[in-house]
Amino acid sequence: MFKKFVLVISFFLFSFQSPLAQAESGYRYWGYFQASGGATSWTAAMTGPSVEVKDGDVEGWAFTASSNDIPATAPMMDPDFAELCGDVSEVAGKVRVGLVVDFGAGEIAPAGETPREFFRDCVLVDSGAVGLDVLNEVLEVRAADSGLICGIAGYPAEECGAEIDMALLETQEVESISTQEEASESSTSNNSLALAGLAVIAVLVGLVALRRRSSK
């Protein structure tokens, strides 16, 4: 019986050990974001750039990487239609759409390539135009047969939605985690381990006492 309890304790200790770090796969690609007229934050588009745009909208593209645990990053500039199109007058039969294109961080750039400079503009397109029309109006676009946008302004040069090791993002601030939050998580983890250790010691002491009674 004592041996069985020892096995249970061993399993208990093992369950509190830190898991081994494992590489996680993800994809890098052109993320598409939208902000309807008056919006002050980006919304990840649920469809491709095939939705009709309205005067006052802002379209956003960001070369990003994501996985199941790491979300895609939106363009670094907030969607500010007034800043982008404030000096552009309305034109009959046209709509004004702000456009922001963020070519991403160097950490996720394909080998041998360097991200282009951040692009921002106010684009005039015909009424009834869709998101892709806005992009095509000012920048070269490379798309796959499926419609996936592979490259904007020649970046990246060839790949399209490549699978990557997400360790590339270790130095990129994909998730804004404060030092206080990290310290809190560390403290919680340490406290859990300490409590586990005390619990194990208490159980072992009880087992020794039980064995001594049994041997009398």
C-alpha atoms as a PDB file:
ATOM      1  CA  MET A   1       0.000   0.000   0.000  1.00  0.00           C
ATOM      2  CA  PHE A   2       2.879   2.332   0.851  1.00  0.00           C
ATOM      3  CA  LYS A   3       4.348   1.828  -2.636  1.00  0.00           C
ATOM      4  CA  LYS A   4       1.019   2.754  -4.242  1.00  0.00           C
ATOM      5  CA  PHE A   5       0.944   5.987  -2.307  1.00  0.00           C
ATOM      6  CA  VAL A   6       4.500   6.761  -3.408  1.00  0.00           C
ATOM      7  CA  LEU A   7       3.455   6.314  -7.034  1.00  0.00           C
ATOM      8  CA  VAL A   8       0.553   8.692  -6.512  1.00  0.00           C
ATOM      9  CA  ILE A   9       2.906  11.265  -4.964  1.00  0.00           C
ATOM     10  CA  SER A  10       5.330  10.906  -7.881  1.00  0.00           C
ATOM     11  CA  PHE A  11       2.530  11.569 -10.340  1.00  0.00           C
ATOM     12  CA  PHE A  12       1.391  14.544  -8.238  1.00  0.00           C
ATOM     13  CA  LEU A  13       4.866  16.091  -8.381  1.00  0.00           C
ATOM     14  CA  PHE A  14       5.231  15.428 -12.085  1.00  0.00           C
ATOM     15  CA  SER A  15       1.923  17.151 -12.826  1.00  0.00           C
ATOM     16  CA  PHE A  16       3.303  20.390 -11.345  1.00  0.00           C
ATOM     17  CA  GLN A  17       6.421  20.450 -13.489  1.00  0.00           C
ATOM     18  CA  SER A  18       6.614  23.087 -16.228  1.00  0.00           C
ATOM     19  CA  PRO A  19       5.742  21.673 -19.664  1.00  0.00           C
ATOM     20  CA  LEU A  20       8.521  21.454 -22.212  1.00  0.00           C
ATOM     21  CA  ALA A  21       8.593  24.324 -24.659  1.00  0.00           C
ATOM     22  CA  GLN A  22       7.361  23.232 -28.050  1.00  0.00           C
ATOM     23  CA  ALA A  23       7.681  25.038 -31.320  1.00  0.00           C
ATOM     24  CA  GLU A  24       4.354  26.215 -32.670  1.00  0.00           C
ATOM     25  CA  SER A  25       3.559  26.523 -36.338  1.00  0.00           C
ATOM     26  CA  GLY A  26       1.648  29.417 -37.808  1.00  0.00           C
ATOM     27  CA  TYR A  27       1.251  31.290 -41.073  1.00  0.00           C
ATOM     28  CA  ARG A  28       2.421  34.646 -42.350  1.00  0.00           C
ATOM     29  CA  TYR A  29       0.176  36.415 -44.786  1.00  0.00           C
ATOM     30  CA  TRP A  30      -1.573  39.662 -45.584  1.00  0.00           C
ATOM     31  CA  GLY A  31      -4.203  40.260 -42.926  1.00  0.00           C
ATOM     32  CA  TYR A  32      -7.215  42.304 -43.971  1.00  0.00           C
ATOM     33  CA  PHE A  33      -8.918  44.741 -41.610  1.00  0.00           C
ATOM     34  CA  GLN A  34     -11.814  47.155 -41.949  1.00  0.00           C
ATOM     35  CA  ALA A  35     -13.190  50.194 -40.172  1.00  0.00           C
ATOM     36  CA  SER A  36     -16.564  51.489 -41.229  1.00  0.00           C
ATOM     37  CA  GLY A  37     -17.252  55.215 -41.249  1.00  0.00           C
ATOM     38  CA  GLY A  38     -16.676  56.698 -37.784  1.00  0.00           C
ATOM     39  CA  ALA A  39     -14.974  53.604 -36.313  1.00  0.00           C
ATOM     40  CA  THR A  40     -11.828  54.225 -34.267  1.00  0.00           C
ATOM     41  CA  SER A  41     -10.492  50.678 -34.167  1.00  0.00           C
ATOM     42  CA  TRP A  42      -9.831  47.891 -36.641  1.00  0.00           C
ATOM     43  CA  THR A  43     -12.039  44.868 -37.146  1.00  0.00           C
ATOM     44  CA  ALA A  44     -10.542  41.760 -38.724  1.00  0.00           C
ATOM     45  CA  ALA A  45     -12.451  41.139 -41.951  1.00  0.00           C
ATOM     46  CA  MET A  46     -14.482  37.945 -41.996  1.00  0.00           C
ATOM     47  CA  THR A  47     -14.478  37.858 -45.811  1.00  0.00           C
ATOM     48  CA  GLY A  48     -12.076  38.783 -48.572  1.00  0.00           C
ATOM     49  CA  PRO A  49     -11.939  42.330 -49.990  1.00  0.00           C
ATOM     50  CA  SER A  50     -15.163  41.810 -51.907  1.00  0.00           C
ATOM     51  CA  VAL A  51     -17.497  43.950 -49.796  1.00  0.00           C
ATOM     52  CA  GLU A  52     -18.664  47.296 -51.132  1.00  0.00           C
ATOM     53  CA  VAL A  53     -16.945  50.264 -49.490  1.00  0.00           C
ATOM     54  CA  LYS A  54     -18.674  53.468 -48.461  1.00  0.00           C
ATOM     55  CA  ASP A  55     -17.502  57.044 -48.228  1.00  0.00           C
ATOM     56  CA  GLY A  56     -15.781  57.400 -44.839  1.00  0.00           C
ATOM     57  CA  ASP A  57     -14.550  53.805 -44.583  1.00  0.00           C
ATOM     58  CA  VAL A  58     -10.919  52.892 -43.912  1.00  0.00           C
ATOM     59  CA  GLU A  59      -9.311  49.743 -45.305  1.00  0.00           C
ATOM     60  CA  GLY A  60      -6.315  48.190 -43.580  1.00  0.00           C
ATOM     61  CA  TRP A  61      -3.768  45.603 -44.620  1.00  0.00           C
ATOM     62  CA  ALA A  62      -0.975  44.210 -42.462  1.00  0.00           C
ATOM     63  CA  PHE A  63       1.657  41.618 -43.283  1.00  0.00           C
ATOM     64  CA  THR A  64       1.370  39.530 -40.165  1.00  0.00           C
ATOM     65  CA  ALA A  65       1.685  36.058 -38.700  1.00  0.00           C
ATOM     66  CA  SER A  66      -0.695  34.152 -36.488  1.00  0.00           C
ATOM     67  CA  SER A  67      -1.440  30.742 -35.007  1.00  0.00           C
ATOM     68  CA  ASN A  68      -4.060  29.190 -32.763  1.00  0.00           C
ATOM     69  CA  ASP A  69      -2.577  31.005 -29.753  1.00  0.00           C
ATOM     70  CA  ILE A  70      -1.105  34.141 -31.304  1.00  0.00           C
ATOM     71  CA  PRO A  71      -3.535  36.511 -33.031  1.00  0.00           C
ATOM     72  CA  ALA A  72      -2.838  38.479 -36.190  1.00  0.00           C
ATOM     73  CA  THR A  73      -1.692  42.055 -35.642  1.00  0.00           C
ATOM     74  CA  ALA A  74      -3.626  44.960 -37.110  1.00  0.00           C
ATOM     75  CA  PRO A  75      -1.921  47.888 -38.866  1.00  0.00           C
ATOM     76  CA  MET A  76       0.109  50.036 -36.478  1.00  0.00           C
ATOM     77  CA  MET A  77      -1.901  53.134 -37.422  1.00  0.00           C
ATOM     78  CA  ASP A  78      -5.433  53.487 -36.103  1.00  0.00           C
ATOM     79  CA  PRO A  79      -8.152  53.958 -38.744  1.00  0.00           C
ATOM     80  CA  ASP A  80      -8.508  57.738 -38.768  1.00  0.00           C
ATOM     81  CA  PHE A  81     -10.543  58.782 -41.782  1.00  0.00           C
ATOM     82  CA  ALA A  82     -10.289  62.482 -40.933  1.00  0.00           C
ATOM     83  CA  GLU A  83      -6.499  62.308 -40.882  1.00  0.00           C
ATOM     84  CA  LEU A  84      -6.321  60.313 -44.103  1.00  0.00           C
ATOM     85  CA  CYS A  85      -9.004  62.023 -46.160  1.00  0.00           C
ATOM     86  CA  GLY A  86      -9.725  65.275 -44.380  1.00  0.00           C
ATOM     87  CA  ASP A  87      -8.209  67.346 -47.193  1.00  0.00           C
ATOM     88  CA  VAL A  88      -9.901  65.414 -50.001  1.00  0.00           C
ATOM     89  CA  SER A  89     -13.175  66.868 -51.264  1.00  0.00           C
ATOM     90  CA  GLU A  90     -16.173  64.754 -52.160  1.00  0.00           C
ATOM     91  CA  VAL A  91     -16.576  63.961 -55.864  1.00  0.00           C
ATOM     92  CA  ALA A  92     -19.850  63.027 -57.548  1.00  0.00           C
ATOM     93  CA  GLY A  93     -20.022  59.326 -58.344  1.00  0.00           C
ATOM     94  CA  LYS A  94     -16.968  58.587 -56.200  1.00  0.00           C
ATOM     95  CA  VAL A  95     -16.361  57.498 -52.614  1.00  0.00           C
ATOM     96  CA  ARG A  96     -13.413  58.432 -50.421  1.00  0.00           C
ATOM     97  CA  VAL A  97     -11.773  55.537 -48.628  1.00  0.00           C
ATOM     98  CA  GLY A  98      -8.782  55.693 -46.320  1.00  0.00           C
ATOM     99  CA  LEU A  99      -6.127  53.056 -46.986  1.00  0.00           C
ATOM    100  CA  VAL A 100      -3.428  51.867 -44.591  1.00  0.00           C
ATOM    101  CA  VAL A 101      -0.866  49.220 -45.567  1.00  0.00           C
ATOM    102  CA  ASP A 102       1.549  47.980 -42.909  1.00  0.00           C
ATOM    103  CA  PHE A 103       4.328  45.789 -44.334  1.00  0.00           C
ATOM    104  CA  GLY A 104       5.056  44.223 -40.961  1.00  0.00           C
ATOM    105  CA  ALA A 105       8.079  43.672 -38.780  1.00  0.00           C
ATOM    106  CA  GLY A 106      11.444  42.431 -39.952  1.00  0.00           C
ATOM    107  CA  GLU A 107      11.138  39.376 -37.671  1.00  0.00           C
ATOM    108  CA  ILE A 108       8.546  37.822 -39.961  1.00  0.00           C
ATOM    109  CA  ALA A 109       9.997  38.958 -43.281  1.00  0.00           C
ATOM    110  CA  PRO A 110      10.768  36.131 -45.735  1.00  0.00           C
ATOM    111  CA  ALA A 111      14.467  35.282 -45.984  1.00  0.00           C
ATOM    112  CA  GLY A 112      16.368  37.870 -47.992  1.00  0.00           C
ATOM    113  CA  GLU A 113      13.497  40.375 -48.043  1.00  0.00           C
ATOM    114  CA  THR A 114      12.993  43.678 -46.258  1.00  0.00           C
ATOM    115  CA  PRO A 115       9.549  45.108 -45.448  1.00  0.00           C
ATOM    116  CA  ARG A 116       8.499  48.146 -47.477  1.00  0.00           C
ATOM    117  CA  GLU A 117       7.793  51.496 -45.845  1.00  0.00           C
ATOM    118  CA  PHE A 118       4.422  52.031 -44.212  1.00  0.00           C
ATOM    119  CA  PHE A 119       1.831  53.232 -46.728  1.00  0.00           C
ATOM    120  CA  ARG A 120      -1.186  55.488 -46.105  1.00  0.00           C
ATOM    121  CA  ASP A 121      -3.417  57.361 -48.520  1.00  0.00           C
ATOM    122  CA  CYS A 122      -6.918  58.543 -49.326  1.00  0.00           C
ATOM    123  CA  VAL A 123      -8.264  56.708 -52.342  1.00  0.00           C
ATOM    124  CA  LEU A 124     -11.067  57.813 -54.631  1.00  0.00           C
ATOM    125  CA  VAL A 125     -12.951  54.933 -56.215  1.00  0.00           C
ATOM    126  CA  ASP A 126     -16.215  54.620 -58.092  1.00  0.00           C
ATOM    127  CA  SER A 127     -19.399  54.162 -56.108  1.00  0.00           C
ATOM    128  CA  GLY A 128     -20.060  50.438 -55.777  1.00  0.00           C
ATOM    129  CA  ALA A 129     -16.342  49.597 -55.597  1.00  0.00           C
ATOM    130  CA  VAL A 130     -15.139  46.871 -53.223  1.00  0.00           C
ATOM    131  CA  GLY A 131     -12.092  46.604 -50.990  1.00  0.00           C
ATOM    132  CA  LEU A 132      -9.919  45.061 -53.680  1.00  0.00           C
ATOM    133  CA  ASP A 133     -10.667  47.973 -56.003  1.00  0.00           C
ATOM    134  CA  VAL A 134      -9.322  50.377 -53.370  1.00  0.00           C
ATOM    135  CA  LEU A 135      -6.070  48.452 -53.081  1.00  0.00           C
ATOM    136  CA  ASN A 136      -5.680  47.996 -56.835  1.00  0.00           C
ATOM    137  CA  GLU A 137      -6.183  51.705 -57.400  1.00  0.00           C
ATOM    138  CA  VAL A 138      -2.849  52.659 -55.832  1.00  0.00           C
ATOM    139  CA  LEU A 139      -0.707  49.539 -55.369  1.00  0.00           C
ATOM    140  CA  GLU A 140       0.250  46.453 -57.348  1.00  0.00           C
ATOM    141  CA  VAL A 141      -1.521  43.358 -56.067  1.00  0.00           C
ATOM    142  CA  ARG A 142      -0.558  39.702 -56.513  1.00  0.00           C
ATOM    143  CA  ALA A 143      -3.305  37.214 -55.758  1.00  0.00           C
ATOM    144  CA  ALA A 144      -3.623  33.434 -55.812  1.00  0.00           C
ATOM    145  CA  ASP A 145      -6.224  31.667 -57.934  1.00  0.00           C
ATOM    146  CA  SER A 146      -8.263  31.253 -54.760  1.00  0.00           C
ATOM    147  CA  GLY A 147      -8.415  35.023 -54.359  1.00  0.00           C
ATOM    148  CA  LEU A 148      -5.999  35.121 -51.423  1.00  0.00           C
ATOM    149  CA  ILE A 149      -3.870  38.271 -51.535  1.00  0.00           C
ATOM    150  CA  CYS A 150      -0.277  37.039 -51.720  1.00  0.00           C
ATOM    151  CA  GLY A 151       1.693  40.224 -52.298  1.00  0.00           C
ATOM    152  CA  ILE A 152       1.195  43.985 -52.154  1.00  0.00           C
ATOM    153  CA  ALA A 153       3.615  46.351 -53.890  1.00  0.00           C
ATOM    154  CA  GLY A 154       5.850  43.379 -54.630  1.00  0.00           C
ATOM    155  CA  TYR A 155       6.053  42.201 -51.026  1.00  0.00           C
ATOM    156  CA  PRO A 156       6.603  39.425 -50.417  1.00  0.00           C
ATOM    157  CA  ALA A 157       8.148  38.635 -53.754  1.00  0.00           C
ATOM    158  CA  GLU A 158       6.951  35.072 -54.262  1.00  0.00           C
ATOM    159  CA  GLU A 159       5.488  33.233 -51.280  1.00  0.00           C
ATOM    160  CA  CYS A 160       1.800  33.139 -50.441  1.00  0.00           C
ATOM    161  CA  GLY A 161       0.520  32.307 -46.964  1.00  0.00           C
ATOM    162  CA  ALA A 162       3.696  30.459 -45.954  1.00  0.00           C
ATOM    163  CA  GLU A 163       3.801  28.234 -42.876  1.00  0.00           C
ATOM    164  CA  ILE A 164       6.402  29.404 -40.352  1.00  0.00           C
ATOM    165  CA  ASP A 165       7.811  28.655 -36.905  1.00  0.00           C
ATOM    166  CA  MET A 166       6.162  31.143 -34.541  1.00  0.00           C
ATOM    167  CA  ALA A 167       9.404  31.411 -32.556  1.00  0.00           C
ATOM    168  CA  LEU A 168      10.213  34.123 -35.096  1.00  0.00           C
ATOM    169  CA  LEU A 169       7.831  36.327 -33.169  1.00  0.00           C
ATOM    170  CA  GLU A 170       9.677  36.104 -29.840  1.00  0.00           C
ATOM    171  CA  THR A 171      11.074  39.592 -30.216  1.00  0.00           C
ATOM    172  CA  GLN A 172       7.906  41.068 -31.715  1.00  0.00           C
ATOM    173  CA  GLU A 173       5.246  42.529 -29.468  1.00  0.00           C
ATOM    174  CA  VAL A 174       2.393  40.481 -30.809  1.00  0.00           C
ATOM    175  CA  GLU A 175       0.575  40.510 -27.491  1.00  0.00           C
ATOM    176  CA  SER A 176       0.865  43.522 -25.208  1.00  0.00           C
ATOM    177  CA  ILE A 177       1.618  41.869 -21.868  1.00  0.00           C
ATOM    178  CA  SER A 178       2.709  44.245 -19.125  1.00  0.00           C
ATOM    179  CA  THR A 179       5.577  43.543 -16.766  1.00  0.00           C
ATOM    180  CA  GLN A 180       3.106  43.552 -13.867  1.00  0.00           C
ATOM    181  CA  GLU A 181       1.026  40.835 -15.503  1.00  0.00           C
ATOM    182  CA  GLU A 182       4.105  38.722 -16.075  1.00  0.00           C
ATOM    183  CA  ALA A 183       5.163  39.211 -12.461  1.00  0.00           C
ATOM    184  CA  SER A 184       1.675  38.278 -11.282  1.00  0.00           C
ATOM    185  CA  GLU A 185       1.650  35.103 -13.371  1.00  0.00           C
ATOM    186  CA  SER A 186       5.107  34.183 -12.089  1.00  0.00           C
ATOM    187  CA  SER A 187       4.020  34.757  -8.485  1.00  0.00           C
ATOM    188  CA  THR A 188       0.894  32.662  -8.977  1.00  0.00           C
ATOM    189  CA  SER A 189       2.953  29.853 -10.499  1.00  0.00           C
ATOM    190  CA  ASN A 190       5.501  29.945  -7.676  1.00  0.00           C
ATOM    191  CA  ASN A 191       2.745  29.939  -5.044  1.00  0.00           C
ATOM    192  CA  SER A 192       1.113  26.952  -6.709  1.00  0.00           C
ATOM    193  CA  LEU A 193       4.393  25.042  -6.668  1.00  0.00           C
ATOM    194  CA  ALA A 194       4.985  25.962  -3.033  1.00  0.00           C
ATOM    195  CA  LEU A 195       1.510  24.788  -2.013  1.00  0.00           C
ATOM    196  CA  ALA A 196       2.016  21.609  -3.966  1.00  0.00           C
ATOM    197  CA  GLY A 197       5.305  20.999  -2.186  1.00  0.00           C
ATOM    198  CA  LEU A 198       3.709  21.523   1.217  1.00  0.00           C
ATOM    199  CA  ALA A 199       0.876  19.194   0.316  1.00  0.00           C
ATOM    200  CA  VAL A 200       3.322  16.487  -0.740  1.00  0.00           C
ATOM    201  CA  ILE A 201       5.330  16.849   2.468  1.00  0.00           C
ATOM    202  CA  ALA A 202       2.144  16.621   4.549  1.00  0.00           C
ATOM    203  CA  VAL A 203       1.072  13.455   2.729  1.00  0.00           C
ATOM    204  CA  LEU A 204       4.512  11.886   3.135  1.00  0.00           C
ATOM    205  CA  VAL A 205       4.527  12.632   6.852  1.00  0.00           C
ATOM    206  CA  GLY A 206       1.103  11.033   7.135  1.00  0.00           C
ATOM    207  CA  LEU A 207       2.280   7.972   5.226  1.00  0.00           C
ATOM    208  CA  VAL A 208       5.306   7.520   7.485  1.00  0.00           C
ATOM    209  CA  ALA A 209       3.104   7.788  10.574  1.00  0.00           C
ATOM    210  CA  LEU A 210       0.656   5.295   9.089  1.00  0.00           C
ATOM    211  CA  ARG A 211       3.454   2.850   8.288  1.00  0.00           C
ATOM    212  CA  ARG A 212       4.804   3.092  11.814  1.00  0.00           C
ATOM    213  CA  ARG A 213       1.383   2.319  13.299  1.00  0.00           C
ATOM    214  CA  SER A 214       1.022  -0.657  10.960  1.00  0.00           C
ATOM    215  CA  SER A 215       4.399  -2.062  11.990  1.00  0.00           C
ATOM    216  CA  LYS A 216       3.501  -1.986  15.723  1.00  0.00           C
END
